[in-house]
Amino acid sequence: MKPRIEKILEKKLVGKRLKMTFTDNKTGELWRRFMPNRREIKNNLNSELISLQIYEKDFDFNPNSEFEKWATVEVSDFNNVPDKMKTFLLKGGLYAIFIHKGSSTDNRTFKYIFSTWLPNSEYVLDNRPHFEILGEKYKNNDPNSEEEIWIPIKLKE
């Protein structure tokens, strides 16, 4: 599983957020809060959904460590943000993009990224948000689902 390496410009995102841990995962609750109101966002750049995670610097992926998760869409500007929605400016930078095929509960791709690919690559994690793009082929919890996993990276020093 070889990633695509891409440098992106900043993205403007609008959505909802929740604090959670891997042990107390509230992803389903977050998306249930977001989806009924997503049609209120009128300036989407595309139909893709973006699931974004913000980890503290030196986050150790401990199952009980808290992080912030967002359910968002990319927009052209922040001029008409619906009530109860928040804005997030995702800074640009270098990302490794992996295609995950299978259920969103199957974490084999993440295990491969962090235990095999990253330690053996010329990159280290960068302290920027991680995100997944849920496009046309995404089907929640379906074994035939497909999504892109975007991991922030920088060259090893």
C-alpha atoms as a PDB file:
ATOM      1  CA  MET A   1       0.000   0.000   0.000  1.00  0.00           C
ATOM      2  CA  LYS A   2       1.952   2.945  -1.316  1.00  0.00           C
ATOM      3  CA  PRO A   3       0.625   6.425  -0.515  1.00  0.00           C
ATOM      4  CA  ARG A   4       0.299   9.380  -2.801  1.00  0.00           C
ATOM      5  CA  ILE A   5       2.316  12.332  -1.431  1.00  0.00           C
ATOM      6  CA  GLU A   6       0.697  15.704  -2.010  1.00  0.00           C
ATOM      7  CA  LYS A   7       1.237  19.291  -0.897  1.00  0.00           C
ATOM      8  CA  ILE A   8      -2.046  21.127  -0.399  1.00  0.00           C
ATOM      9  CA  LEU A   9      -3.002  24.751   0.035  1.00  0.00           C
ATOM     10  CA  GLU A  10      -5.184  25.824   2.941  1.00  0.00           C
ATOM     11  CA  LYS A  11      -8.798  24.678   2.976  1.00  0.00           C
ATOM     12  CA  LYS A  12     -11.789  26.475   4.446  1.00  0.00           C
ATOM     13  CA  LEU A  13     -14.062  24.051   6.284  1.00  0.00           C
ATOM     14  CA  VAL A  14     -17.478  24.446   7.897  1.00  0.00           C
ATOM     15  CA  GLY A  15     -19.016  21.908  10.224  1.00  0.00           C
ATOM     16  CA  LYS A  16     -19.467  20.693  13.761  1.00  0.00           C
ATOM     17  CA  ARG A  17     -16.966  19.428  16.319  1.00  0.00           C
ATOM     18  CA  LEU A  18     -16.814  17.273  19.436  1.00  0.00           C
ATOM     19  CA  LYS A  19     -14.107  16.356  21.941  1.00  0.00           C
ATOM     20  CA  MET A  20     -13.631  12.598  22.366  1.00  0.00           C
ATOM     21  CA  THR A  21     -11.179   9.784  22.994  1.00  0.00           C
ATOM     22  CA  PHE A  22     -10.722   6.519  21.133  1.00  0.00           C
ATOM     23  CA  THR A  23     -12.227   4.759  24.158  1.00  0.00           C
ATOM     24  CA  ASP A  24     -15.209   7.131  24.273  1.00  0.00           C
ATOM     25  CA  ASN A  25     -15.606   7.525  20.518  1.00  0.00           C
ATOM     26  CA  LYS A  26     -18.440   9.931  19.657  1.00  0.00           C
ATOM     27  CA  THR A  27     -17.940   9.913  15.871  1.00  0.00           C
ATOM     28  CA  GLY A  28     -21.458   8.590  15.192  1.00  0.00           C
ATOM     29  CA  GLU A  29     -22.994  11.240  17.441  1.00  0.00           C
ATOM     30  CA  LEU A  30     -20.977  13.981  15.716  1.00  0.00           C
ATOM     31  CA  TRP A  31     -22.121  12.967  12.237  1.00  0.00           C
ATOM     32  CA  ARG A  32     -25.750  12.555  13.413  1.00  0.00           C
ATOM     33  CA  ARG A  33     -25.596  16.181  14.620  1.00  0.00           C
ATOM     34  CA  PHE A  34     -23.989  17.423  11.403  1.00  0.00           C
ATOM     35  CA  MET A  35     -25.821  15.626   8.572  1.00  0.00           C
ATOM     36  CA  PRO A  36     -29.343  17.044   9.124  1.00  0.00           C
ATOM     37  CA  ASN A  37     -27.939  20.601   8.824  1.00  0.00           C
ATOM     38  CA  ARG A  38     -25.364  20.091   6.101  1.00  0.00           C
ATOM     39  CA  ARG A  39     -27.739  21.284   3.347  1.00  0.00           C
ATOM     40  CA  GLU A  40     -27.764  24.713   5.068  1.00  0.00           C
ATOM     41  CA  ILE A  41     -24.177  25.169   3.833  1.00  0.00           C
ATOM     42  CA  LYS A  42     -24.638  26.842   0.444  1.00  0.00           C
ATOM     43  CA  ASN A  43     -21.077  27.488  -0.738  1.00  0.00           C
ATOM     44  CA  ASN A  44     -19.652  23.929  -0.825  1.00  0.00           C
ATOM     45  CA  LEU A  45     -16.765  23.417  -3.220  1.00  0.00           C
ATOM     46  CA  ASN A  46     -17.800  19.780  -3.852  1.00  0.00           C
ATOM     47  CA  SER A  47     -19.989  16.982  -2.460  1.00  0.00           C
ATOM     48  CA  GLU A  48     -17.249  15.357  -0.365  1.00  0.00           C
ATOM     49  CA  LEU A  49     -17.450  15.121   3.415  1.00  0.00           C
ATOM     50  CA  ILE A  50     -14.310  15.645   5.494  1.00  0.00           C
ATOM     51  CA  SER A  51     -13.779  13.959   8.848  1.00  0.00           C
ATOM     52  CA  LEU A  52     -10.948  15.821  10.593  1.00  0.00           C
ATOM     53  CA  GLN A  53      -9.017  15.104  13.800  1.00  0.00           C
ATOM     54  CA  ILE A  54      -6.951  17.597  15.770  1.00  0.00           C
ATOM     55  CA  TYR A  55      -4.441  15.960  18.094  1.00  0.00           C
ATOM     56  CA  GLU A  56      -2.306  17.799  20.642  1.00  0.00           C
ATOM     57  CA  LYS A  57       1.415  18.068  19.929  1.00  0.00           C
ATOM     58  CA  ASP A  58       3.129  14.803  20.921  1.00  0.00           C
ATOM     59  CA  PHE A  59      -0.229  12.979  20.971  1.00  0.00           C
ATOM     60  CA  ASP A  60       0.610   9.368  21.767  1.00  0.00           C
ATOM     61  CA  PHE A  61      -2.569   7.724  20.385  1.00  0.00           C
ATOM     62  CA  ASN A  62      -3.360   6.490  23.885  1.00  0.00           C
ATOM     63  CA  PRO A  63      -6.985   5.226  23.777  1.00  0.00           C
ATOM     64  CA  ASN A  64      -7.886   7.609  26.633  1.00  0.00           C
ATOM     65  CA  SER A  65      -6.174  10.751  25.297  1.00  0.00           C
ATOM     66  CA  GLU A  66      -8.634  13.462  24.279  1.00  0.00           C
ATOM     67  CA  PHE A  67      -8.727  14.968  20.791  1.00  0.00           C
ATOM     68  CA  GLU A  68     -11.124  17.098  18.767  1.00  0.00           C
ATOM     69  CA  LYS A  69     -13.008  15.648  15.802  1.00  0.00           C
ATOM     70  CA  TRP A  70     -14.846  17.617  13.120  1.00  0.00           C
ATOM     71  CA  ALA A  71     -17.550  16.664  10.607  1.00  0.00           C
ATOM     72  CA  THR A  72     -17.133  19.184   7.760  1.00  0.00           C
ATOM     73  CA  VAL A  73     -17.406  20.186   4.132  1.00  0.00           C
ATOM     74  CA  GLU A  74     -15.015  22.406   2.199  1.00  0.00           C
ATOM     75  CA  VAL A  75     -16.375  25.847   1.304  1.00  0.00           C
ATOM     76  CA  SER A  76     -15.302  28.743  -0.893  1.00  0.00           C
ATOM     77  CA  ASP A  77     -15.503  31.317   1.931  1.00  0.00           C
ATOM     78  CA  PHE A  78     -16.776  31.925   5.447  1.00  0.00           C
ATOM     79  CA  ASN A  79     -19.353  34.572   4.442  1.00  0.00           C
ATOM     80  CA  ASN A  80     -22.544  32.576   5.149  1.00  0.00           C
ATOM     81  CA  VAL A  81     -21.909  30.150   7.998  1.00  0.00           C
ATOM     82  CA  PRO A  82     -25.143  28.495   9.212  1.00  0.00           C
ATOM     83  CA  ASP A  83     -26.176  28.870  12.858  1.00  0.00           C
ATOM     84  CA  LYS A  84     -24.702  26.179  15.127  1.00  0.00           C
ATOM     85  CA  MET A  85     -21.868  25.567  12.649  1.00  0.00           C
ATOM     86  CA  LYS A  86     -18.215  26.469  13.161  1.00  0.00           C
ATOM     87  CA  THR A  87     -15.416  27.393  10.778  1.00  0.00           C
ATOM     88  CA  PHE A  88     -11.987  25.810  10.570  1.00  0.00           C
ATOM     89  CA  LEU A  89      -9.039  26.952   8.460  1.00  0.00           C
ATOM     90  CA  LEU A  90      -6.927  23.911   7.593  1.00  0.00           C
ATOM     91  CA  LYS A  91      -3.382  25.094   6.954  1.00  0.00           C
ATOM     92  CA  GLY A  92      -1.679  23.730   3.861  1.00  0.00           C
ATOM     93  CA  GLY A  93       1.223  21.346   3.887  1.00  0.00           C
ATOM     94  CA  LEU A  94       2.518  17.936   2.914  1.00  0.00           C
ATOM     95  CA  TYR A  95       0.268  14.881   3.283  1.00  0.00           C
ATOM     96  CA  ALA A  96       0.550  11.155   2.662  1.00  0.00           C
ATOM     97  CA  ILE A  97      -2.753   9.924   1.207  1.00  0.00           C
ATOM     98  CA  PHE A  98      -3.804   6.302   1.603  1.00  0.00           C
ATOM     99  CA  ILE A  99      -6.867   4.629   0.092  1.00  0.00           C
ATOM    100  CA  HIS A 100      -8.770   2.664   2.738  1.00  0.00           C
ATOM    101  CA  LYS A 101     -11.121   0.000   1.415  1.00  0.00           C
ATOM    102  CA  GLY A 102     -13.587  -1.571   3.816  1.00  0.00           C
ATOM    103  CA  SER A 103     -15.652  -0.641   6.829  1.00  0.00           C
ATOM    104  CA  SER A 104     -14.825   2.556   8.692  1.00  0.00           C
ATOM    105  CA  THR A 105     -14.500   0.420  11.847  1.00  0.00           C
ATOM    106  CA  ASP A 106     -11.664  -1.635  10.289  1.00  0.00           C
ATOM    107  CA  ASN A 107      -8.440  -0.007  11.489  1.00  0.00           C
ATOM    108  CA  ARG A 108      -5.960  -2.167   9.528  1.00  0.00           C
ATOM    109  CA  THR A 109      -5.017   0.729   7.244  1.00  0.00           C
ATOM    110  CA  PHE A 110      -4.216   2.984  10.221  1.00  0.00           C
ATOM    111  CA  LYS A 111      -2.159   0.202  11.835  1.00  0.00           C
ATOM    112  CA  TYR A 112      -0.192  -0.207   8.608  1.00  0.00           C
ATOM    113  CA  ILE A 113       0.393   3.550   8.268  1.00  0.00           C
ATOM    114  CA  PHE A 114       1.700   4.071  11.801  1.00  0.00           C
ATOM    115  CA  SER A 115       3.467   0.769  12.484  1.00  0.00           C
ATOM    116  CA  THR A 116       4.899  -0.080   9.050  1.00  0.00           C
ATOM    117  CA  TRP A 117       4.842   2.710   6.475  1.00  0.00           C
ATOM    118  CA  LEU A 118       5.724   5.774   8.575  1.00  0.00           C
ATOM    119  CA  PRO A 119       8.664   4.239  10.529  1.00  0.00           C
ATOM    120  CA  ASN A 120      10.165   2.944   7.261  1.00  0.00           C
ATOM    121  CA  SER A 121       9.566   6.111   5.247  1.00  0.00           C
ATOM    122  CA  GLU A 122      11.613   9.267   4.849  1.00  0.00           C
ATOM    123  CA  TYR A 123       8.887  11.169   6.748  1.00  0.00           C
ATOM    124  CA  VAL A 124       7.715  11.867  10.284  1.00  0.00           C
ATOM    125  CA  LEU A 125       4.330  13.052  11.475  1.00  0.00           C
ATOM    126  CA  ASP A 126       3.778  16.778  11.309  1.00  0.00           C
ATOM    127  CA  ASN A 127       1.735  18.528  14.000  1.00  0.00           C
ATOM    128  CA  ARG A 128      -1.261  19.409  11.822  1.00  0.00           C
ATOM    129  CA  PRO A 129      -4.748  17.935  11.548  1.00  0.00           C
ATOM    130  CA  HIS A 130      -5.328  14.463  10.128  1.00  0.00           C
ATOM    131  CA  PHE A 131      -8.405  13.957   7.973  1.00  0.00           C
ATOM    132  CA  GLU A 132     -10.379  11.567   5.811  1.00  0.00           C
ATOM    133  CA  ILE A 133     -12.182  12.473   2.613  1.00  0.00           C
ATOM    134  CA  LEU A 134     -15.470  10.638   2.301  1.00  0.00           C
ATOM    135  CA  GLY A 135     -16.341  10.841  -1.390  1.00  0.00           C
ATOM    136  CA  GLU A 136     -18.680   9.049  -3.789  1.00  0.00           C
ATOM    137  CA  LYS A 137     -17.327   5.576  -2.955  1.00  0.00           C
ATOM    138  CA  TYR A 138     -17.772   6.009   0.824  1.00  0.00           C
ATOM    139  CA  LYS A 139     -20.472   3.830   2.385  1.00  0.00           C
ATOM    140  CA  ASN A 140     -20.414   3.938   6.201  1.00  0.00           C
ATOM    141  CA  ASN A 141     -19.575   0.547   7.763  1.00  0.00           C
ATOM    142  CA  ASP A 142     -19.835  -1.223   4.390  1.00  0.00           C
ATOM    143  CA  PRO A 143     -17.087  -3.707   3.394  1.00  0.00           C
ATOM    144  CA  ASN A 144     -17.143  -2.184  -0.128  1.00  0.00           C
ATOM    145  CA  SER A 145     -16.608   1.368   1.141  1.00  0.00           C
ATOM    146  CA  GLU A 146     -13.641   3.480   0.074  1.00  0.00           C
ATOM    147  CA  GLU A 147     -12.172   6.656   1.579  1.00  0.00           C
ATOM    148  CA  GLU A 148      -8.940   8.650   1.499  1.00  0.00           C
ATOM    149  CA  ILE A 149      -6.876   8.921   4.690  1.00  0.00           C
ATOM    150  CA  TRP A 150      -4.712  12.071   4.777  1.00  0.00           C
ATOM    151  CA  ILE A 151      -1.742  11.970   7.204  1.00  0.00           C
ATOM    152  CA  PRO A 152       0.263  15.198   7.815  1.00  0.00           C
ATOM    153  CA  ILE A 153       3.963  14.568   7.227  1.00  0.00           C
ATOM    154  CA  LYS A 154       7.282  16.323   6.892  1.00  0.00           C
ATOM    155  CA  LEU A 155      10.704  15.073   5.833  1.00  0.00           C
ATOM    156  CA  LYS A 156      12.906  13.582   8.546  1.00  0.00           C
ATOM    157  CA  GLU A 157      15.679  15.933   9.614  1.00  0.00           C
END
